[in-house]
Structure formats: C-alpha cells, structure tokens
N, C-alpha and C. Protein backbone atom coordinates (compact mmCIF):
# COMPACT_ATOMS: atom_id res chain seq x y z
N MET A 1 66.59 -38.27 -162.66
CA MET A 1 66.62 -39.09 -163.86
C MET A 1 68.00 -39.77 -163.93
N ASN A 2 68.03 -41.10 -164.03
CA ASN A 2 69.31 -41.81 -164.10
C ASN A 2 69.88 -41.73 -165.52
N GLU A 3 71.08 -42.26 -165.71
CA GLU A 3 71.77 -42.15 -166.99
C GLU A 3 71.02 -42.84 -168.12
N LYS A 4 70.42 -43.99 -167.83
CA LYS A 4 69.66 -44.69 -168.86
C LYS A 4 68.49 -43.82 -169.34
N GLN A 5 67.77 -43.23 -168.40
CA GLN A 5 66.65 -42.36 -168.75
C GLN A 5 67.13 -41.11 -169.49
N ARG A 6 68.25 -40.55 -169.05
CA ARG A 6 68.81 -39.38 -169.73
C ARG A 6 69.19 -39.74 -171.16
N PHE A 7 69.78 -40.92 -171.35
CA PHE A 7 70.15 -41.34 -172.70
C PHE A 7 68.90 -41.47 -173.57
N ILE A 8 67.89 -42.16 -173.06
CA ILE A 8 66.67 -42.41 -173.85
C ILE A 8 65.93 -41.10 -174.13
N ASN A 9 65.82 -40.22 -173.13
CA ASN A 9 65.02 -39.01 -173.28
C ASN A 9 65.74 -37.84 -173.92
N LYS A 10 67.06 -37.73 -173.71
CA LYS A 10 67.77 -36.55 -174.18
C LYS A 10 68.75 -36.83 -175.32
N VAL A 11 69.45 -37.95 -175.25
CA VAL A 11 70.47 -38.24 -176.25
C VAL A 11 69.88 -38.95 -177.46
N TRP A 12 69.11 -40.00 -177.23
CA TRP A 12 68.60 -40.82 -178.34
C TRP A 12 67.82 -40.01 -179.38
N PRO A 13 66.91 -39.09 -178.99
CA PRO A 13 66.20 -38.31 -180.01
C PRO A 13 67.15 -37.50 -180.92
N ARG A 14 68.23 -37.00 -180.35
CA ARG A 14 69.21 -36.24 -181.15
C ARG A 14 69.96 -37.16 -182.11
N ILE A 15 70.26 -38.37 -181.65
CA ILE A 15 70.93 -39.35 -182.52
C ILE A 15 70.01 -39.72 -183.68
N VAL A 16 68.76 -40.00 -183.38
CA VAL A 16 67.79 -40.38 -184.41
C VAL A 16 67.66 -39.26 -185.44
N ASP A 17 67.53 -38.03 -184.97
CA ASP A 17 67.40 -36.89 -185.88
C ASP A 17 68.62 -36.79 -186.80
N PHE A 18 69.82 -36.90 -186.21
CA PHE A 18 71.04 -36.79 -187.01
C PHE A 18 71.11 -37.89 -188.06
N PHE A 19 70.86 -39.13 -187.65
CA PHE A 19 70.96 -40.24 -188.60
C PHE A 19 69.85 -40.22 -189.64
N ASN A 20 68.67 -39.70 -189.29
CA ASN A 20 67.62 -39.56 -190.30
C ASN A 20 68.04 -38.59 -191.39
N ARG A 21 68.81 -37.58 -191.03
CA ARG A 21 69.26 -36.60 -192.03
C ARG A 21 70.54 -37.02 -192.75
N PHE A 22 71.48 -37.62 -192.03
CA PHE A 22 72.81 -37.84 -192.60
C PHE A 22 73.27 -39.29 -192.61
N GLY A 23 72.46 -40.19 -192.11
CA GLY A 23 72.90 -41.56 -191.88
C GLY A 23 72.87 -42.47 -193.09
N PRO A 24 73.34 -43.69 -192.89
CA PRO A 24 73.48 -44.66 -193.98
C PRO A 24 72.16 -45.14 -194.56
N ALA A 25 71.03 -44.90 -193.88
CA ALA A 25 69.74 -45.30 -194.46
C ALA A 25 69.43 -44.50 -195.71
N ASN A 26 70.12 -43.39 -195.89
CA ASN A 26 69.93 -42.58 -197.10
C ASN A 26 70.65 -43.16 -198.31
N TYR A 27 71.47 -44.15 -198.07
CA TYR A 27 72.18 -44.83 -199.16
C TYR A 27 71.28 -45.91 -199.70
N LYS A 28 70.98 -45.86 -200.97
CA LYS A 28 70.00 -46.76 -201.56
C LYS A 28 70.60 -48.04 -202.13
N GLY A 29 71.89 -48.21 -201.99
CA GLY A 29 72.53 -49.41 -202.51
C GLY A 29 73.30 -49.11 -203.78
N TYR A 30 74.10 -50.06 -204.20
CA TYR A 30 74.94 -49.88 -205.38
C TYR A 30 74.55 -50.87 -206.46
N VAL A 31 74.33 -50.36 -207.62
CA VAL A 31 74.13 -51.18 -208.81
C VAL A 31 75.10 -50.65 -209.84
N ALA A 32 75.96 -51.51 -210.37
CA ALA A 32 77.00 -51.07 -211.31
C ALA A 32 76.40 -50.24 -212.44
N GLY A 33 76.96 -49.07 -212.65
CA GLY A 33 76.54 -48.21 -213.75
C GLY A 33 75.32 -47.37 -213.46
N GLU A 34 74.71 -47.52 -212.30
CA GLU A 34 73.51 -46.75 -211.98
C GLU A 34 73.73 -45.93 -210.71
N GLU A 35 73.26 -44.71 -210.74
CA GLU A 35 73.33 -43.87 -209.56
C GLU A 35 72.17 -44.24 -208.64
N GLN A 36 72.46 -44.83 -207.50
CA GLN A 36 71.44 -45.30 -206.57
C GLN A 36 71.36 -44.45 -205.31
N GLY A 37 72.23 -43.54 -205.17
CA GLY A 37 72.31 -42.78 -203.93
C GLY A 37 73.73 -42.89 -203.41
N TRP A 38 73.98 -42.28 -202.28
CA TRP A 38 75.34 -42.31 -201.74
C TRP A 38 75.31 -42.28 -200.24
N PHE A 39 76.44 -42.56 -199.63
CA PHE A 39 76.53 -42.59 -198.17
C PHE A 39 76.34 -41.21 -197.56
N GLY A 40 76.62 -40.18 -198.30
CA GLY A 40 76.61 -38.84 -197.72
C GLY A 40 77.99 -38.55 -197.17
N PRO A 41 78.22 -37.32 -196.80
CA PRO A 41 79.57 -36.94 -196.38
C PRO A 41 79.92 -37.33 -194.95
N TYR A 42 79.01 -37.95 -194.21
CA TYR A 42 79.24 -38.11 -192.77
C TYR A 42 79.45 -39.53 -192.28
N ILE A 43 78.62 -40.46 -192.66
CA ILE A 43 78.61 -41.77 -192.02
C ILE A 43 79.07 -42.83 -193.00
N TRP A 44 80.29 -43.33 -192.80
CA TRP A 44 80.84 -44.33 -193.72
C TRP A 44 81.10 -45.67 -193.06
N SER A 45 81.26 -45.68 -191.75
CA SER A 45 81.62 -46.94 -191.09
C SER A 45 81.02 -47.03 -189.70
N GLU A 46 80.87 -48.27 -189.22
CA GLU A 46 80.32 -48.50 -187.89
C GLU A 46 81.28 -48.07 -186.79
N ASN A 47 82.49 -48.62 -186.82
CA ASN A 47 83.43 -48.39 -185.73
C ASN A 47 84.05 -47.01 -185.77
N GLY A 48 84.00 -46.36 -186.90
CA GLY A 48 84.51 -45.00 -186.98
C GLY A 48 83.40 -43.99 -186.78
N ASP A 49 82.67 -43.75 -187.83
CA ASP A 49 81.71 -42.65 -187.84
C ASP A 49 80.49 -42.88 -186.96
N THR A 50 79.86 -44.03 -187.02
CA THR A 50 78.63 -44.25 -186.25
C THR A 50 78.92 -44.16 -184.76
N VAL A 51 79.93 -44.86 -184.29
CA VAL A 51 80.29 -44.80 -182.87
C VAL A 51 80.72 -43.38 -182.49
N ARG A 52 81.46 -42.72 -183.37
CA ARG A 52 81.93 -41.36 -183.08
C ARG A 52 80.77 -40.39 -182.88
N VAL A 53 79.78 -40.47 -183.75
CA VAL A 53 78.63 -39.56 -183.65
C VAL A 53 77.86 -39.81 -182.35
N ILE A 54 77.59 -41.06 -182.03
CA ILE A 54 76.86 -41.37 -180.80
C ILE A 54 77.68 -40.96 -179.58
N THR A 55 78.98 -41.19 -179.63
CA THR A 55 79.87 -40.76 -178.54
C THR A 55 79.80 -39.25 -178.34
N LYS A 56 79.81 -38.50 -179.43
CA LYS A 56 79.75 -37.03 -179.34
C LYS A 56 78.49 -36.58 -178.60
N PHE A 57 77.34 -37.14 -178.98
CA PHE A 57 76.09 -36.76 -178.31
C PHE A 57 76.11 -37.18 -176.84
N CYS A 58 76.68 -38.34 -176.54
CA CYS A 58 76.79 -38.78 -175.14
C CYS A 58 77.70 -37.84 -174.35
N GLU A 59 78.81 -37.42 -174.95
CA GLU A 59 79.73 -36.51 -174.25
C GLU A 59 79.06 -35.19 -173.94
N GLU A 60 78.22 -34.71 -174.84
CA GLU A 60 77.52 -33.45 -174.59
C GLU A 60 76.57 -33.57 -173.40
N GLU A 61 75.98 -34.73 -173.21
CA GLU A 61 75.04 -34.93 -172.10
C GLU A 61 75.73 -35.34 -170.80
N PHE A 62 76.72 -36.25 -170.88
CA PHE A 62 77.31 -36.84 -169.68
C PHE A 62 78.69 -36.31 -169.32
N GLY A 63 79.30 -35.58 -170.22
CA GLY A 63 80.64 -35.04 -169.97
C GLY A 63 81.72 -35.86 -170.66
N PHE A 64 82.74 -35.19 -171.13
CA PHE A 64 83.81 -35.82 -171.90
C PHE A 64 84.50 -36.95 -171.14
N LEU A 65 84.78 -36.76 -169.86
CA LEU A 65 85.53 -37.75 -169.10
C LEU A 65 84.69 -38.96 -168.66
N ASN A 66 83.39 -38.91 -168.90
CA ASN A 66 82.51 -40.00 -168.48
C ASN A 66 82.12 -40.92 -169.63
N VAL A 67 82.57 -40.64 -170.84
CA VAL A 67 82.20 -41.44 -172.01
C VAL A 67 83.46 -42.08 -172.57
N HIS A 68 83.41 -43.41 -172.72
CA HIS A 68 84.60 -44.16 -173.11
C HIS A 68 84.26 -45.08 -174.28
N ASN A 69 85.17 -45.19 -175.24
CA ASN A 69 84.99 -46.08 -176.37
C ASN A 69 85.85 -47.32 -176.22
N GLU A 70 85.29 -48.46 -176.66
CA GLU A 70 86.01 -49.73 -176.65
C GLU A 70 86.55 -50.07 -175.26
N SER A 71 85.74 -49.85 -174.24
CA SER A 71 86.14 -50.24 -172.88
C SER A 71 86.24 -51.76 -172.83
N LYS A 72 87.34 -52.23 -172.33
CA LYS A 72 87.57 -53.68 -172.25
C LYS A 72 86.89 -54.27 -171.01
N ILE A 73 86.40 -55.46 -171.20
CA ILE A 73 85.93 -56.26 -170.06
C ILE A 73 87.04 -57.28 -169.86
N ASP A 74 87.91 -56.99 -168.91
CA ASP A 74 89.07 -57.84 -168.66
C ASP A 74 89.49 -57.72 -167.20
N LYS A 75 90.58 -58.36 -166.83
CA LYS A 75 91.00 -58.38 -165.43
C LYS A 75 91.44 -57.00 -164.93
N PHE A 76 91.87 -56.12 -165.82
CA PHE A 76 92.26 -54.78 -165.40
C PHE A 76 91.04 -53.97 -164.97
N MET A 77 89.92 -54.14 -165.69
CA MET A 77 88.73 -53.33 -165.44
C MET A 77 87.79 -53.93 -164.39
N PHE A 78 87.78 -55.25 -164.24
CA PHE A 78 86.81 -55.89 -163.36
C PHE A 78 87.50 -56.92 -162.46
N GLU A 79 87.35 -56.73 -161.17
CA GLU A 79 87.98 -57.59 -160.19
C GLU A 79 87.53 -59.05 -160.31
N ASP A 80 86.26 -59.25 -160.65
CA ASP A 80 85.71 -60.61 -160.70
C ASP A 80 85.87 -61.28 -162.06
N PHE A 81 86.66 -60.70 -162.93
CA PHE A 81 86.86 -61.27 -164.27
C PHE A 81 87.68 -62.56 -164.16
N SER A 82 87.24 -63.59 -164.87
CA SER A 82 88.00 -64.84 -164.87
C SER A 82 88.58 -65.08 -166.25
N LYS A 83 89.71 -65.76 -166.31
CA LYS A 83 90.40 -65.99 -167.57
C LYS A 83 89.53 -66.71 -168.60
N GLY A 84 88.65 -67.57 -168.16
CA GLY A 84 87.82 -68.33 -169.08
C GLY A 84 86.80 -67.50 -169.83
N GLU A 85 86.56 -66.27 -169.38
CA GLU A 85 85.56 -65.44 -170.04
C GLU A 85 86.01 -64.93 -171.40
N GLY A 86 87.28 -64.71 -171.57
CA GLY A 86 87.75 -64.10 -172.82
C GLY A 86 87.50 -62.60 -172.78
N VAL A 87 88.44 -61.84 -173.31
CA VAL A 87 88.33 -60.38 -173.29
C VAL A 87 87.27 -59.94 -174.28
N LYS A 88 86.43 -59.03 -173.84
CA LYS A 88 85.39 -58.44 -174.68
C LYS A 88 85.54 -56.92 -174.60
N SER A 89 84.81 -56.22 -175.43
CA SER A 89 84.82 -54.77 -175.31
C SER A 89 83.42 -54.21 -175.55
N ILE A 90 83.20 -53.03 -175.03
CA ILE A 90 81.93 -52.32 -175.14
C ILE A 90 82.15 -51.15 -176.10
N ASP A 91 81.26 -50.98 -177.08
CA ASP A 91 81.43 -49.88 -178.03
C ASP A 91 81.49 -48.54 -177.30
N ILE A 92 80.48 -48.27 -176.46
CA ILE A 92 80.45 -47.02 -175.69
C ILE A 92 80.05 -47.35 -174.26
N ASP A 93 80.82 -46.83 -173.33
CA ASP A 93 80.62 -47.06 -171.90
C ASP A 93 80.48 -45.69 -171.24
N VAL A 94 79.31 -45.41 -170.67
CA VAL A 94 79.10 -44.15 -169.94
C VAL A 94 79.23 -44.47 -168.46
N THR A 95 80.33 -44.03 -167.86
CA THR A 95 80.61 -44.32 -166.46
C THR A 95 81.41 -43.17 -165.85
N ASP A 96 80.97 -42.68 -164.72
CA ASP A 96 81.69 -41.65 -163.99
C ASP A 96 82.65 -42.33 -163.02
N ALA A 97 83.93 -42.26 -163.31
CA ALA A 97 84.94 -42.89 -162.46
C ALA A 97 85.70 -41.86 -161.64
N SER A 98 85.14 -40.66 -161.52
CA SER A 98 85.87 -39.58 -160.83
C SER A 98 86.11 -39.85 -159.36
N ASP A 99 85.30 -40.68 -158.73
CA ASP A 99 85.51 -41.00 -157.31
C ASP A 99 86.51 -42.12 -157.07
N CYS A 100 87.00 -42.71 -158.15
CA CYS A 100 87.97 -43.80 -158.01
C CYS A 100 89.33 -43.20 -157.64
N GLY A 101 89.84 -43.65 -156.52
CA GLY A 101 91.13 -43.14 -156.06
C GLY A 101 92.28 -44.06 -156.38
N ASN A 102 91.97 -45.28 -156.80
CA ASN A 102 93.02 -46.24 -157.10
C ASN A 102 92.47 -47.33 -158.03
N GLU A 103 93.33 -48.24 -158.41
CA GLU A 103 92.95 -49.31 -159.34
C GLU A 103 91.85 -50.19 -158.74
N GLN A 104 91.91 -50.47 -157.46
CA GLN A 104 90.91 -51.32 -156.83
C GLN A 104 89.52 -50.68 -156.91
N ASP A 105 89.45 -49.37 -156.70
CA ASP A 105 88.17 -48.67 -156.83
C ASP A 105 87.60 -48.84 -158.23
N LEU A 106 88.46 -48.69 -159.23
CA LEU A 106 88.03 -48.83 -160.62
C LEU A 106 87.56 -50.25 -160.91
N ARG A 107 88.29 -51.22 -160.42
CA ARG A 107 87.97 -52.62 -160.72
C ARG A 107 86.69 -53.10 -160.03
N THR A 108 86.22 -52.39 -159.02
CA THR A 108 84.98 -52.78 -158.33
C THR A 108 83.83 -51.81 -158.65
N LEU A 109 84.06 -50.86 -159.52
CA LEU A 109 83.06 -49.87 -159.91
C LEU A 109 81.97 -50.53 -160.76
N THR A 110 80.72 -50.21 -160.47
CA THR A 110 79.62 -50.65 -161.33
C THR A 110 79.45 -49.62 -162.43
N HIS A 111 79.58 -50.07 -163.65
CA HIS A 111 79.47 -49.15 -164.78
C HIS A 111 78.01 -48.74 -164.98
N THR A 112 77.81 -47.57 -165.55
CA THR A 112 76.48 -46.96 -165.60
C THR A 112 75.67 -47.36 -166.82
N LEU A 113 76.28 -47.28 -168.00
CA LEU A 113 75.52 -47.49 -169.23
C LEU A 113 76.45 -48.06 -170.30
N PHE A 114 76.09 -49.22 -170.84
CA PHE A 114 76.82 -49.82 -171.96
C PHE A 114 75.98 -49.63 -173.22
N ILE A 115 76.62 -49.21 -174.30
CA ILE A 115 75.92 -48.99 -175.57
C ILE A 115 76.62 -49.81 -176.65
N GLU A 116 75.87 -50.67 -177.30
CA GLU A 116 76.38 -51.48 -178.41
C GLU A 116 75.88 -50.85 -179.71
N VAL A 117 76.77 -50.68 -180.68
CA VAL A 117 76.44 -49.99 -181.93
C VAL A 117 76.50 -50.96 -183.10
N LYS A 118 75.49 -50.91 -183.96
CA LYS A 118 75.50 -51.66 -185.21
C LYS A 118 75.15 -50.71 -186.35
N HIS A 119 75.83 -50.88 -187.46
CA HIS A 119 75.70 -50.03 -188.64
C HIS A 119 75.00 -50.84 -189.72
N ILE A 120 73.74 -50.53 -190.00
CA ILE A 120 72.98 -51.24 -191.01
C ILE A 120 72.43 -50.18 -191.98
N PHE A 121 72.62 -50.40 -193.26
CA PHE A 121 72.10 -49.44 -194.23
C PHE A 121 71.41 -50.15 -195.38
N LYS A 122 70.54 -49.43 -196.07
CA LYS A 122 69.85 -50.00 -197.22
C LYS A 122 70.90 -50.44 -198.23
N GLY A 123 70.67 -51.57 -198.85
CA GLY A 123 71.62 -52.08 -199.82
C GLY A 123 72.69 -52.95 -199.19
N ASP A 124 72.62 -53.14 -197.88
CA ASP A 124 73.65 -53.90 -197.17
C ASP A 124 73.76 -55.33 -197.68
N GLU A 125 72.63 -55.91 -198.08
CA GLU A 125 72.67 -57.30 -198.54
C GLU A 125 73.48 -57.45 -199.82
N ILE A 126 73.69 -56.36 -200.53
CA ILE A 126 74.48 -56.41 -201.75
C ILE A 126 75.96 -56.59 -201.42
N PHE A 127 76.37 -56.08 -200.27
CA PHE A 127 77.77 -56.11 -199.92
C PHE A 127 78.11 -57.30 -199.02
N PHE A 128 78.57 -57.05 -197.81
CA PHE A 128 79.19 -58.07 -196.99
C PHE A 128 78.22 -58.97 -196.24
N GLN A 129 77.26 -58.41 -195.57
CA GLN A 129 76.34 -59.20 -194.75
C GLN A 129 74.93 -58.68 -194.96
N THR A 130 73.98 -59.53 -194.82
CA THR A 130 72.60 -59.06 -194.88
C THR A 130 72.25 -58.41 -193.55
N PRO A 131 71.29 -57.50 -193.55
CA PRO A 131 70.86 -56.92 -192.27
C PRO A 131 70.44 -58.00 -191.27
N LYS A 132 69.83 -59.08 -191.75
CA LYS A 132 69.40 -60.15 -190.84
C LYS A 132 70.59 -60.72 -190.08
N ARG A 133 71.72 -60.95 -190.75
CA ARG A 133 72.91 -61.48 -190.08
C ARG A 133 73.47 -60.48 -189.09
N LYS A 134 73.45 -59.20 -189.44
CA LYS A 134 73.93 -58.18 -188.50
C LYS A 134 73.04 -58.11 -187.27
N ILE A 135 71.74 -58.25 -187.48
CA ILE A 135 70.80 -58.22 -186.35
C ILE A 135 71.06 -59.40 -185.43
N GLU A 136 71.34 -60.57 -185.98
CA GLU A 136 71.68 -61.74 -185.15
C GLU A 136 72.95 -61.46 -184.34
N GLY A 137 73.95 -60.83 -184.96
CA GLY A 137 75.17 -60.45 -184.24
C GLY A 137 74.87 -59.46 -183.13
N PHE A 138 73.96 -58.54 -183.39
CA PHE A 138 73.56 -57.57 -182.39
C PHE A 138 72.89 -58.25 -181.20
N LYS A 139 72.03 -59.23 -181.47
CA LYS A 139 71.38 -59.97 -180.40
C LYS A 139 72.40 -60.70 -179.54
N LYS A 140 73.42 -61.29 -180.18
CA LYS A 140 74.48 -61.97 -179.41
C LYS A 140 75.24 -60.98 -178.55
N ASP A 141 75.55 -59.80 -179.11
CA ASP A 141 76.25 -58.78 -178.34
C ASP A 141 75.41 -58.34 -177.14
N CYS A 142 74.11 -58.16 -177.36
CA CYS A 142 73.22 -57.75 -176.26
C CYS A 142 73.16 -58.83 -175.18
N HIS A 143 73.15 -60.08 -175.59
CA HIS A 143 73.15 -61.19 -174.62
C HIS A 143 74.43 -61.14 -173.78
N ARG A 144 75.57 -60.90 -174.42
CA ARG A 144 76.83 -60.80 -173.66
C ARG A 144 76.81 -59.61 -172.70
N LEU A 145 76.21 -58.49 -173.15
CA LEU A 145 76.11 -57.33 -172.26
C LEU A 145 75.18 -57.63 -171.08
N GLN A 146 74.10 -58.37 -171.33
CA GLN A 146 73.19 -58.75 -170.25
C GLN A 146 73.93 -59.61 -169.21
N GLU A 147 74.81 -60.47 -169.67
CA GLU A 147 75.60 -61.28 -168.73
C GLU A 147 76.46 -60.37 -167.84
N GLN A 148 77.00 -59.30 -168.42
CA GLN A 148 77.83 -58.37 -167.63
C GLN A 148 76.97 -57.65 -166.58
N ILE A 149 75.76 -57.29 -166.95
CA ILE A 149 74.85 -56.64 -166.01
C ILE A 149 74.52 -57.59 -164.86
N GLN A 150 74.26 -58.85 -165.20
CA GLN A 150 73.92 -59.83 -164.17
C GLN A 150 75.09 -60.05 -163.22
N LYS A 151 76.31 -59.81 -163.68
CA LYS A 151 77.48 -59.94 -162.83
C LYS A 151 77.74 -58.66 -162.03
N GLY A 152 76.89 -57.67 -162.20
CA GLY A 152 77.02 -56.42 -161.45
C GLY A 152 78.08 -55.50 -161.98
N ARG A 153 78.42 -55.67 -163.23
CA ARG A 153 79.47 -54.82 -163.81
C ARG A 153 78.87 -53.58 -164.40
C-alpha cells in the first residue's frame, strides 16, 4: 500500500472521527447576545490547530521525520524551480528524505504526498469569508499542487 492509500485508508478515517467530535462544524455561528454554540476546546484556527491535528495523525502513521509543515516549493527544495514560479508552500508534505545524502539528492527527490488544509465551519459566512469563497481558494490551491505533480515534484 503506497502513502496515498495509507493516508486514505488509515489516517483519513481517524481525522474525520476527531473532527466530527471536536471540530469547527460543531460551532453553530455567532449571533450577538445569543448562545449559538462554540468552537470547543480544540480547533480554533486553520494554520494552527487544524494543520496540527492532521499532522499528528500523519506522524503516527508515517513517522515524525517524514511529515513536514509549510514545505516550501523554491530553488532550495527543487532543482527545476524557476524564479518566475514564485515561492509557494505546502501545508503538509509527507516525504521520506532519509536516503538523501546531500542537498542535490534532496532537490531531485520526488515528494510522496502533499496535503492542503482548509478550515471551514458553520457560521463562517457571518465572519470573514463565505464557505464558497474558501472552496474556490481550495480549488486554486489544488490546481497549483497538480502543477507540482505534473513537474514530477
């Protein structure tokens, strides 16, 4: 079973279970003066808590040294990176780099699994962005990740 299959079959069900119990979908939104629900004690932000929780489950399956947050797509990480691309980052990158003996090995390594994270909760349209806008951002992020896959990264 490759890493993608391991993520889908072993990690994803645990993530879904955790977020169903403790995630932001349990927050019903805010209406001034009315108790509508709350975020819960665990998940308050996308880049902090949501990514952290998914990273934890990935580390349990793939190992601590194989899971990386905010991996940059830049000239340091990829030999074929060109200046015109602009630096990007991956929320979670599952890649075993233990066989890399030097910088060149790392820069030519094909990464195993890129994970893009989006934090959407009920009541989101009341605050900063509607879920529809976040979903459009997610689609753009996925398109950029697909470009990286097509480049063999």
